[in-house]
Amino acid sequence: MPVSDKLPPAISDQVARWPEFRMGVNRVRVELADGRVFDDVMVAGGRIVGVLGQPEIPFDASDVVAIADFADAPLPPGY
């Protein structure tokens, strides 16, 4: 499974304070420097480990400028 580089420290520290979605994993929404937003991003150990519905991570972790807890959002069909 491809894993991203580490998230920026301020972003990673923010995620570390949230309850886990699954063991060791946080489900988040990210906003990138170019304005794109991705829901259902999985983060573990300060790294992006996957994006639901995407075969690969479609952005660099260093491009994340904002992050929000997404654990309580309904899962997409099939998950």
Protein backbone atom coordinates (compact mmCIF):
# COMPACT_ATOMS: atom_id res chain seq x y z
CA MET A 1 0.00 0.00 0.00
CA PRO A 2 1.46 3.38 -0.94
CA VAL A 3 1.96 5.75 1.97
CA SER A 4 2.56 9.48 1.77
CA ASP A 5 5.36 11.51 3.22
CA LYS A 6 4.67 12.93 6.66
CA LEU A 7 2.01 15.59 7.02
CA PRO A 8 3.17 19.05 8.06
CA PRO A 9 3.85 18.96 11.83
CA ALA A 10 1.05 21.37 12.81
CA ILE A 11 -1.46 19.29 10.82
CA SER A 12 -0.15 15.99 12.21
CA ASP A 13 -0.31 17.33 15.79
CA GLN A 14 -3.92 18.37 15.25
CA VAL A 15 -4.93 14.91 14.01
CA ALA A 16 -3.16 13.22 16.92
CA ARG A 17 -5.57 14.92 19.36
CA TRP A 18 -8.70 13.45 17.71
CA PRO A 19 -10.31 10.10 18.54
CA GLU A 20 -9.39 7.31 16.14
CA PHE A 21 -11.83 6.20 13.45
CA ARG A 22 -10.40 2.67 13.54
CA MET A 23 -7.45 1.25 15.44
CA GLY A 24 -4.58 3.65 14.78
CA VAL A 25 -6.35 5.41 11.90
CA ASN A 26 -8.08 8.78 11.65
CA ARG A 27 -10.60 9.56 8.92
CA VAL A 28 -10.29 13.19 7.82
CA ARG A 29 -11.15 15.77 5.20
CA VAL A 30 -8.18 17.70 3.81
CA GLU A 31 -7.88 20.98 1.98
CA LEU A 32 -4.89 21.49 -0.28
CA ALA A 33 -2.96 24.64 -1.08
CA ASP A 34 -4.55 24.71 -4.57
CA GLY A 35 -8.07 24.71 -3.05
CA ARG A 36 -8.98 21.08 -3.75
CA VAL A 37 -10.76 19.22 -0.96
CA PHE A 38 -10.66 15.46 -0.36
CA ASP A 39 -13.01 13.62 1.99
CA ASP A 40 -12.40 10.14 3.38
CA VAL A 41 -8.66 10.49 3.76
CA MET A 42 -7.11 7.95 6.12
CA VAL A 43 -4.20 9.07 8.31
CA ALA A 44 -2.01 6.86 10.52
CA GLY A 45 1.22 7.77 12.23
CA GLY A 46 1.20 11.28 10.78
CA ARG A 47 1.05 9.95 7.21
CA ILE A 48 -1.74 9.62 4.66
CA VAL A 49 -2.27 5.91 4.12
CA GLY A 50 -5.19 6.06 1.71
CA VAL A 51 -8.10 7.92 0.20
CA LEU A 52 -11.35 5.97 -0.12
CA GLY A 53 -12.23 5.37 -3.77
CA GLN A 54 -8.73 6.24 -5.02
CA PRO A 55 -6.22 3.57 -6.10
CA GLU A 56 -3.35 5.90 -5.13
CA ILE A 57 -3.00 9.00 -2.99
CA PRO A 58 -3.79 11.82 -5.47
CA PHE A 59 -1.79 14.57 -3.74
CA ASP A 60 1.34 15.21 -1.70
CA ALA A 61 1.06 15.41 2.09
CA SER A 62 3.09 18.62 2.00
CA ASP A 63 0.22 20.31 0.08
CA VAL A 64 -2.26 19.89 2.97
CA VAL A 65 -3.08 23.29 4.49
CA ALA A 66 -6.17 22.44 6.55
CA ILE A 67 -7.70 19.31 8.01
CA ALA A 68 -10.98 18.37 9.68
CA ASP A 69 -12.15 15.31 11.58
CA PHE A 70 -14.40 13.27 9.26
CA ALA A 71 -14.91 10.17 11.44
CA ASP A 72 -18.64 10.73 12.01
CA ALA A 73 -19.58 11.29 8.36
CA PRO A 74 -21.54 8.45 6.75
CA LEU A 75 -19.34 6.05 4.82
CA PRO A 76 -19.80 5.88 1.05
CA PRO A 77 -21.77 2.88 -0.26
CA GLY A 78 -19.70 -0.30 -0.29
CA TYR A 79 -17.49 0.57 2.70
